[in-house]
C-alpha atoms as a PDB file:
ATOM      1  CA  UNK A   1      50.800  21.202  12.268  1.00  0.00           C
ATOM      2  CA  UNK A   2      48.710  19.432   9.442  1.00  0.00           C
ATOM      3  CA  UNK A   3      48.821  20.066   5.786  1.00  0.00           C
ATOM      4  CA  UNK A   4      48.048  18.523   2.370  1.00  0.00           C
ATOM      5  CA  UNK A   5      50.764  16.995   0.267  1.00  0.00           C
ATOM      6  CA  UNK A   6      50.259  15.985  -3.428  1.00  0.00           C
ATOM      7  CA  UNK A   7      52.099  12.976  -4.571  1.00  0.00           C
ATOM      8  CA  UNK A   8      52.229  11.553  -8.062  1.00  0.00           C
ATOM      9  CA  UNK A   9      51.929   7.779  -8.333  1.00  0.00           C
ATOM     10  CA  UNK A  10      51.870   5.897 -11.713  1.00  0.00           C
ATOM     11  CA  UNK A  11      51.165   9.200 -13.435  1.00  0.00           C
ATOM     12  CA  UNK A  12      48.274  10.108 -11.321  1.00  0.00           C
ATOM     13  CA  UNK A  13      48.142  12.922  -8.588  1.00  0.00           C
ATOM     14  CA  UNK A  14      46.916  11.907  -5.025  1.00  0.00           C
ATOM     15  CA  UNK A  15      46.123  14.140  -2.083  1.00  0.00           C
ATOM     16  CA  UNK A  16      47.495  13.078   1.378  1.00  0.00           C
ATOM     17  CA  UNK A  17      46.819  14.622   4.771  1.00  0.00           C
ATOM     18  CA  UNK A  18      50.088  14.916   6.488  1.00  0.00           C
ATOM     19  CA  UNK A  19      51.294  16.022   9.890  1.00  0.00           C
ATOM     20  CA  UNK A  20      54.682  17.647  11.152  1.00  0.00           C
ATOM     21  CA  UNK A  21      55.896  16.377  14.403  1.00  0.00           C
ATOM     22  CA  UNK A  22      59.060  18.016  16.098  1.00  0.00           C
ATOM     23  CA  UNK A  23      61.322  15.660  18.044  1.00  0.00           C
ATOM     24  CA  UNK A  24      64.062  17.639  19.739  1.00  0.00           C
ATOM     25  CA  UNK A  25      65.884  19.428  16.911  1.00  0.00           C
ATOM     26  CA  UNK A  26      64.382  17.410  14.000  1.00  0.00           C
ATOM     27  CA  UNK A  27      60.855  17.587  12.294  1.00  0.00           C
ATOM     28  CA  UNK A  28      59.284  14.453  11.229  1.00  0.00           C
ATOM     29  CA  UNK A  29      56.489  14.164   8.712  1.00  0.00           C
ATOM     30  CA  UNK A  30      53.595  11.621   9.337  1.00  0.00           C
ATOM     31  CA  UNK A  31      50.903  10.747   6.721  1.00  0.00           C
ATOM     32  CA  UNK A  32      47.642  10.690   8.426  1.00  0.00           C
ATOM     33  CA  UNK A  33      45.496   9.438   5.542  1.00  0.00           C
ATOM     34  CA  UNK A  34      44.970   9.557   1.800  1.00  0.00           C
ATOM     35  CA  UNK A  35      42.355  11.985   0.607  1.00  0.00           C
ATOM     36  CA  UNK A  36      41.974  10.353  -2.907  1.00  0.00           C
ATOM     37  CA  UNK A  37      42.991  11.500  -6.363  1.00  0.00           C
ATOM     38  CA  UNK A  38      43.288  15.227  -7.321  1.00  0.00           C
ATOM     39  CA  UNK A  39      41.173  14.629 -10.417  1.00  0.00           C
ATOM     40  CA  UNK A  40      38.791  11.792  -9.529  1.00  0.00           C
ATOM     41  CA  UNK A  41      37.220   9.795 -12.394  1.00  0.00           C
ATOM     42  CA  UNK A  42      33.567   8.937 -11.840  1.00  0.00           C
ATOM     43  CA  UNK A  43      32.138   5.841 -13.585  1.00  0.00           C
ATOM     44  CA  UNK A  44      29.046   6.645 -15.487  1.00  0.00           C
ATOM     45  CA  UNK A  45      26.751   3.749 -16.236  1.00  0.00           C
ATOM     46  CA  UNK A  46      23.340   3.629 -17.993  1.00  0.00           C
ATOM     47  CA  UNK A  47      21.027   6.328 -17.009  1.00  0.00           C
ATOM     48  CA  UNK A  48      18.675   5.085 -14.400  1.00  0.00           C
ATOM     49  CA  UNK A  49      14.860   5.832 -14.994  1.00  0.00           C
ATOM     50  CA  UNK A  50      13.188   7.552 -12.159  1.00  0.00           C
ATOM     51  CA  UNK A  51       9.414   7.702 -11.372  1.00  0.00           C
ATOM     52  CA  UNK A  52       9.706  11.509 -11.151  1.00  0.00           C
ATOM     53  CA  UNK A  53       9.852  11.460 -15.099  1.00  0.00           C
ATOM     54  CA  UNK A  54       6.354  10.252 -15.421  1.00  0.00           C
ATOM     55  CA  UNK A  55       4.021  12.611 -17.039  1.00  0.00           C
ATOM     56  CA  UNK A  56       0.433  12.640 -18.307  1.00  0.00           C
ATOM     57  CA  UNK A  57      -0.081  12.153 -21.958  1.00  0.00           C
ATOM     58  CA  UNK A  58      -1.225  14.967 -24.258  1.00  0.00           C
ATOM     59  CA  UNK A  59      -4.874  15.952 -23.506  1.00  0.00           C
ATOM     60  CA  UNK A  60      -7.587  16.525 -25.882  1.00  0.00           C
ATOM     61  CA  UNK A  61      -9.781  19.567 -25.634  1.00  0.00           C
ATOM     62  CA  UNK A  62     -12.739  17.644 -24.225  1.00  0.00           C
ATOM     63  CA  UNK A  63     -10.555  15.836 -21.784  1.00  0.00           C
ATOM     64  CA  UNK A  64      -9.082  19.200 -20.573  1.00  0.00           C
ATOM     65  CA  UNK A  65     -12.694  20.590 -20.311  1.00  0.00           C
ATOM     66  CA  UNK A  66     -13.780  17.520 -18.172  1.00  0.00           C
ATOM     67  CA  UNK A  67     -10.628  17.523 -15.972  1.00  0.00           C
ATOM     68  CA  UNK A  68     -11.201  21.182 -15.024  1.00  0.00           C
ATOM     69  CA  UNK A  69     -14.729  20.550 -14.193  1.00  0.00           C
ATOM     70  CA  UNK A  70     -13.721  17.388 -12.056  1.00  0.00           C
ATOM     71  CA  UNK A  71     -11.643  19.757  -9.927  1.00  0.00           C
ATOM     72  CA  UNK A  72     -14.948  20.987  -8.361  1.00  0.00           C
ATOM     73  CA  UNK A  73     -16.409  17.622  -7.761  1.00  0.00           C
ATOM     74  CA  UNK A  74     -17.962  16.825  -4.536  1.00  0.00           C
ATOM     75  CA  UNK A  75     -16.083  13.488  -4.460  1.00  0.00           C
ATOM     76  CA  UNK A  76     -12.571  13.979  -2.946  1.00  0.00           C
ATOM     77  CA  UNK A  77     -11.049  11.082  -4.987  1.00  0.00           C
ATOM     78  CA  UNK A  78     -12.152  12.557  -8.304  1.00  0.00           C
ATOM     79  CA  UNK A  79     -11.318  16.032  -7.357  1.00  0.00           C
ATOM     80  CA  UNK A  80      -7.703  15.156  -6.289  1.00  0.00           C
ATOM     81  CA  UNK A  81      -7.012  13.085  -9.404  1.00  0.00           C
ATOM     82  CA  UNK A  82      -8.243  15.861 -11.613  1.00  0.00           C
ATOM     83  CA  UNK A  83      -5.876  18.272  -9.980  1.00  0.00           C
ATOM     84  CA  UNK A  84      -2.980  15.840 -10.066  1.00  0.00           C
ATOM     85  CA  UNK A  85      -3.485  15.265 -13.929  1.00  0.00           C
ATOM     86  CA  UNK A  86      -3.840  18.931 -14.676  1.00  0.00           C
ATOM     87  CA  UNK A  87      -0.681  19.886 -12.832  1.00  0.00           C
ATOM     88  CA  UNK A  88       1.142  17.018 -14.601  1.00  0.00           C
ATOM     89  CA  UNK A  89      -0.085  18.478 -18.012  1.00  0.00           C
ATOM     90  CA  UNK A  90       1.509  21.736 -17.132  1.00  0.00           C
ATOM     91  CA  UNK A  91       5.009  20.066 -16.798  1.00  0.00           C
ATOM     92  CA  UNK A  92       5.231  19.552 -13.045  1.00  0.00           C
ATOM     93  CA  UNK A  93       6.971  16.311 -12.052  1.00  0.00           C
ATOM     94  CA  UNK A  94       5.519  13.727  -9.351  1.00  0.00           C
ATOM     95  CA  UNK A  95       7.516  15.210  -6.495  1.00  0.00           C
ATOM     96  CA  UNK A  96       6.479  18.795  -7.195  1.00  0.00           C
ATOM     97  CA  UNK A  97       2.767  17.731  -7.645  1.00  0.00           C
ATOM     98  CA  UNK A  98       2.914  15.812  -4.358  1.00  0.00           C
ATOM     99  CA  UNK A  99       4.307  18.928  -2.432  1.00  0.00           C
ATOM    100  CA  UNK A 100       1.476  21.022  -3.860  1.00  0.00           C
ATOM    101  CA  UNK A 101      -1.155  18.367  -3.117  1.00  0.00           C
ATOM    102  CA  UNK A 102       0.160  17.561   0.299  1.00  0.00           C
ATOM    103  CA  UNK A 103       0.190  13.865  -0.549  1.00  0.00           C
ATOM    104  CA  UNK A 104       2.771  11.187  -1.382  1.00  0.00           C
ATOM    105  CA  UNK A 105       4.549  11.034  -4.768  1.00  0.00           C
ATOM    106  CA  UNK A 106       3.479   7.359  -5.077  1.00  0.00           C
ATOM    107  CA  UNK A 107      -0.165   8.539  -5.178  1.00  0.00           C
ATOM    108  CA  UNK A 108       0.629  11.068  -7.935  1.00  0.00           C
ATOM    109  CA  UNK A 109       2.423   8.515  -9.976  1.00  0.00           C
ATOM    110  CA  UNK A 110      -0.473   6.024  -9.680  1.00  0.00           C
ATOM    111  CA  UNK A 111      -2.950   8.625 -10.860  1.00  0.00           C
ATOM    112  CA  UNK A 112      -0.919   9.505 -13.834  1.00  0.00           C
ATOM    113  CA  UNK A 113      -0.356   5.896 -14.859  1.00  0.00           C
ATOM    114  CA  UNK A 114      -4.078   5.078 -14.375  1.00  0.00           C
ATOM    115  CA  UNK A 115      -5.087   8.028 -16.658  1.00  0.00           C
ATOM    116  CA  UNK A 116      -2.506   7.056 -19.297  1.00  0.00           C
ATOM    117  CA  UNK A 117      -4.013   3.624 -19.384  1.00  0.00           C
ATOM    118  CA  UNK A 118      -7.673   4.135 -18.806  1.00  0.00           C
ATOM    119  CA  UNK A 119      -8.252   7.802 -19.730  1.00  0.00           C
ATOM    120  CA  UNK A 120     -11.040   9.684 -18.006  1.00  0.00           C
ATOM    121  CA  UNK A 121     -12.226   6.418 -16.295  1.00  0.00           C
ATOM    122  CA  UNK A 122      -9.305   6.936 -13.896  1.00  0.00           C
ATOM    123  CA  UNK A 123     -11.343   9.683 -12.310  1.00  0.00           C
ATOM    124  CA  UNK A 124     -13.663   6.968 -10.833  1.00  0.00           C
ATOM    125  CA  UNK A 125     -12.598   4.821  -7.918  1.00  0.00           C
ATOM    126  CA  UNK A 126     -12.644   1.138  -8.857  1.00  0.00           C
ATOM    127  CA  UNK A 127     -15.287  -0.948  -7.183  1.00  0.00           C
ATOM    128  CA  UNK A 128     -14.092  -2.852  -4.312  1.00  0.00           C
ATOM    129  CA  UNK A 129     -14.177  -6.755  -4.652  1.00  0.00           C
ATOM    130  CA  UNK A 130     -17.140  -8.260  -2.941  1.00  0.00           C
ATOM    131  CA  UNK A 131     -16.825 -11.056  -0.438  1.00  0.00           C
ATOM    132  CA  UNK A 132     -16.427 -14.470  -1.903  1.00  0.00           C
ATOM    133  CA  UNK A 133     -19.716 -16.342  -1.843  1.00  0.00           C
ATOM    134  CA  UNK A 134     -19.682 -19.039   0.994  1.00  0.00           C
ATOM    135  CA  UNK A 135     -21.568 -21.549  -1.126  1.00  0.00           C
ATOM    136  CA  UNK A 136     -21.763 -22.336  -4.800  1.00  0.00           C
ATOM    137  CA  UNK A 137     -25.070 -22.091  -6.634  1.00  0.00           C
ATOM    138  CA  UNK A 138     -25.227 -26.012  -6.716  1.00  0.00           C
ATOM    139  CA  UNK A 139     -24.857 -26.214  -2.929  1.00  0.00           C
ATOM    140  CA  UNK A 140     -27.562 -23.491  -2.428  1.00  0.00           C
ATOM    141  CA  UNK A 141     -29.925 -25.246  -4.742  1.00  0.00           C
ATOM    142  CA  UNK A 142     -29.443 -28.637  -2.925  1.00  0.00           C
ATOM    143  CA  UNK A 143     -30.012 -27.010   0.470  1.00  0.00           C
ATOM    144  CA  UNK A 144     -33.115 -25.230  -0.736  1.00  0.00           C
ATOM    145  CA  UNK A 145     -34.462 -28.420  -2.206  1.00  0.00           C
ATOM    146  CA  UNK A 146     -34.030 -30.274   1.090  1.00  0.00           C
ATOM    147  CA  UNK A 147     -35.629 -27.479   3.150  1.00  0.00           C
ATOM    148  CA  UNK A 148     -38.752 -27.815   0.930  1.00  0.00           C
ATOM    149  CA  UNK A 149     -38.810 -31.623   1.310  1.00  0.00           C
ATOM    150  CA  UNK A 150     -40.647 -33.088   4.275  1.00  0.00           C
ATOM    151  CA  UNK A 151     -38.190 -34.846   6.599  1.00  0.00           C
ATOM    152  CA  UNK A 152     -40.386 -38.196   6.526  1.00  0.00           C
ATOM    153  CA  UNK A 153     -39.556 -38.371   2.810  1.00  0.00           C
ATOM    154  CA  UNK A 154     -36.012 -38.437   3.636  1.00  0.00           C
ATOM    155  CA  UNK A 155     -36.495 -41.275   6.141  1.00  0.00           C
ATOM    156  CA  UNK A 156     -36.077 -38.873   9.046  1.00  0.00           C
ATOM    157  CA  UNK A 157     -37.955 -39.399  12.157  1.00  0.00           C
ATOM    158  CA  UNK A 158     -39.226 -35.931  12.886  1.00  0.00           C
ATOM    159  CA  UNK A 159     -42.009 -34.042  11.366  1.00  0.00           C
ATOM    160  CA  UNK A 160     -40.482 -30.479  10.694  1.00  0.00           C
ATOM    161  CA  UNK A 161     -37.236 -28.988  10.094  1.00  0.00           C
ATOM    162  CA  UNK A 162     -35.426 -26.756  12.507  1.00  0.00           C
ATOM    163  CA  UNK A 163     -32.113 -24.708  12.046  1.00  0.00           C
ATOM    164  CA  UNK A 164     -29.866 -27.162  13.967  1.00  0.00           C
ATOM    165  CA  UNK A 165     -31.592 -30.210  12.192  1.00  0.00           C
ATOM    166  CA  UNK A 166     -30.833 -28.591   8.861  1.00  0.00           C
ATOM    167  CA  UNK A 167     -27.324 -27.741   9.692  1.00  0.00           C
ATOM    168  CA  UNK A 168     -26.627 -31.283  10.810  1.00  0.00           C
ATOM    169  CA  UNK A 169     -28.285 -32.778   7.687  1.00  0.00           C
ATOM    170  CA  UNK A 170     -26.240 -30.549   5.356  1.00  0.00           C
ATOM    171  CA  UNK A 171     -23.033 -31.553   6.825  1.00  0.00           C
ATOM    172  CA  UNK A 172     -23.723 -35.198   7.274  1.00  0.00           C
ATOM    173  CA  UNK A 173     -24.802 -35.583   3.759  1.00  0.00           C
ATOM    174  CA  UNK A 174     -21.702 -33.657   2.574  1.00  0.00           C
ATOM    175  CA  UNK A 175     -23.608 -31.116   0.985  1.00  0.00           C
ATOM    176  CA  UNK A 176     -21.409 -28.431   2.486  1.00  0.00           C
ATOM    177  CA  UNK A 177     -18.098 -28.944   4.482  1.00  0.00           C
ATOM    178  CA  UNK A 178     -19.261 -26.827   7.226  1.00  0.00           C
ATOM    179  CA  UNK A 179     -22.101 -24.360   7.932  1.00  0.00           C
ATOM    180  CA  UNK A 180     -23.280 -22.232  10.893  1.00  0.00           C
ATOM    181  CA  UNK A 181     -26.886 -22.056  12.166  1.00  0.00           C
ATOM    182  CA  UNK A 182     -26.750 -18.337  11.277  1.00  0.00           C
ATOM    183  CA  UNK A 183     -25.749 -19.132   7.728  1.00  0.00           C
ATOM    184  CA  UNK A 184     -28.760 -21.426   7.487  1.00  0.00           C
ATOM    185  CA  UNK A 185     -30.887 -18.718   8.824  1.00  0.00           C
ATOM    186  CA  UNK A 186     -29.621 -16.160   6.257  1.00  0.00           C
ATOM    187  CA  UNK A 187     -30.112 -18.799   3.519  1.00  0.00           C
ATOM    188  CA  UNK A 188     -33.757 -19.214   4.429  1.00  0.00           C
ATOM    189  CA  UNK A 189     -34.200 -15.517   4.963  1.00  0.00           C
ATOM    190  CA  UNK A 190     -32.861 -14.750   1.441  1.00  0.00           C
ATOM    191  CA  UNK A 191     -35.526 -16.879  -0.073  1.00  0.00           C
ATOM    192  CA  UNK A 192     -38.292 -15.885   2.193  1.00  0.00           C
ATOM    193  CA  UNK A 193     -38.789 -19.247   3.617  1.00  0.00           C
ATOM    194  CA  UNK A 194     -40.163 -19.806   7.036  1.00  0.00           C
ATOM    195  CA  UNK A 195     -39.817 -23.051   8.919  1.00  0.00           C
ATOM    196  CA  UNK A 196     -43.074 -24.760  10.052  1.00  0.00           C
ATOM    197  CA  UNK A 197     -43.396 -25.648  13.553  1.00  0.00           C
ATOM    198  CA  UNK A 198     -43.520 -29.407  14.425  1.00  0.00           C
ATOM    199  CA  UNK A 199     -46.853 -30.664  15.528  1.00  0.00           C
ATOM    200  CA  UNK A 200     -46.938 -32.901  18.555  1.00  0.00           C
ATOM    201  CA  UNK A 201     -49.855 -35.352  18.898  1.00  0.00           C
ATOM    202  CA  UNK A 202     -51.429 -35.794  22.259  1.00  0.00           C
ATOM    203  CA  UNK A 203     -53.062 -39.199  23.260  1.00  0.00           C
ATOM    204  CA  UNK A 204     -55.357 -40.163  26.189  1.00  0.00           C
ATOM    205  CA  UNK A 205     -57.326 -43.210  27.231  1.00  0.00           C
ATOM    206  CA  UNK A 206     -60.406 -41.078  27.470  1.00  0.00           C
ATOM    207  CA  UNK A 207     -62.909 -42.247  24.806  1.00  0.00           C
ATOM    208  CA  UNK A 208     -64.111 -38.755  24.455  1.00  0.00           C
ATOM    209  CA  UNK A 209     -60.665 -37.244  23.967  1.00  0.00           C
ATOM    210  CA  UNK A 210     -61.101 -36.847  20.114  1.00  0.00           C
ATOM    211  CA  UNK A 211     -64.387 -34.982  20.636  1.00  0.00           C
ATOM    212  CA  UNK A 212     -62.791 -32.697  23.327  1.00  0.00           C
ATOM    213  CA  UNK A 213     -59.996 -31.780  20.893  1.00  0.00           C
END
């Protein structure tokens, strides 16, 4: 048989789970475990701020009108943010809004923070950062200057540029660290430059060769 017994230790009462065991004509009581104090004391520290307490700032008449109109936008990002902000203005916290919108609470908090910081601009998705340019303006200028220069004026033993020759010249003269033939092609295309075909001169011992050609 098990039962709970209360003992007082140093002025405080504790609960113990005990068990009665009969051994022949005697009953022995065994403590199974301590269940803790009868009146537990819970330590209370500083109240922790939670993200659920984030709310939209007070709205102006025009802001409210624009947000209501934005809920009918064809752009999903704008439409969802407007709905989130309006729900927040009605006193719903992030978790409740997330349940209503079928999204994560993190998305709700992000929308509210963005509006409190940027106002109605938060209804527009930020522009994605473009790819970092492969070459600097100075490098592009040098490469284009070389393309427009006849190879012979650079002490080169050919009459016209080709993509592989340009690539090799750019790298060997340390204008760029590396460059692909396709990058050279795109560089020329962006400036509307077309490479001239090299002219091969033909020779013959025929005295009338010049007349025939």
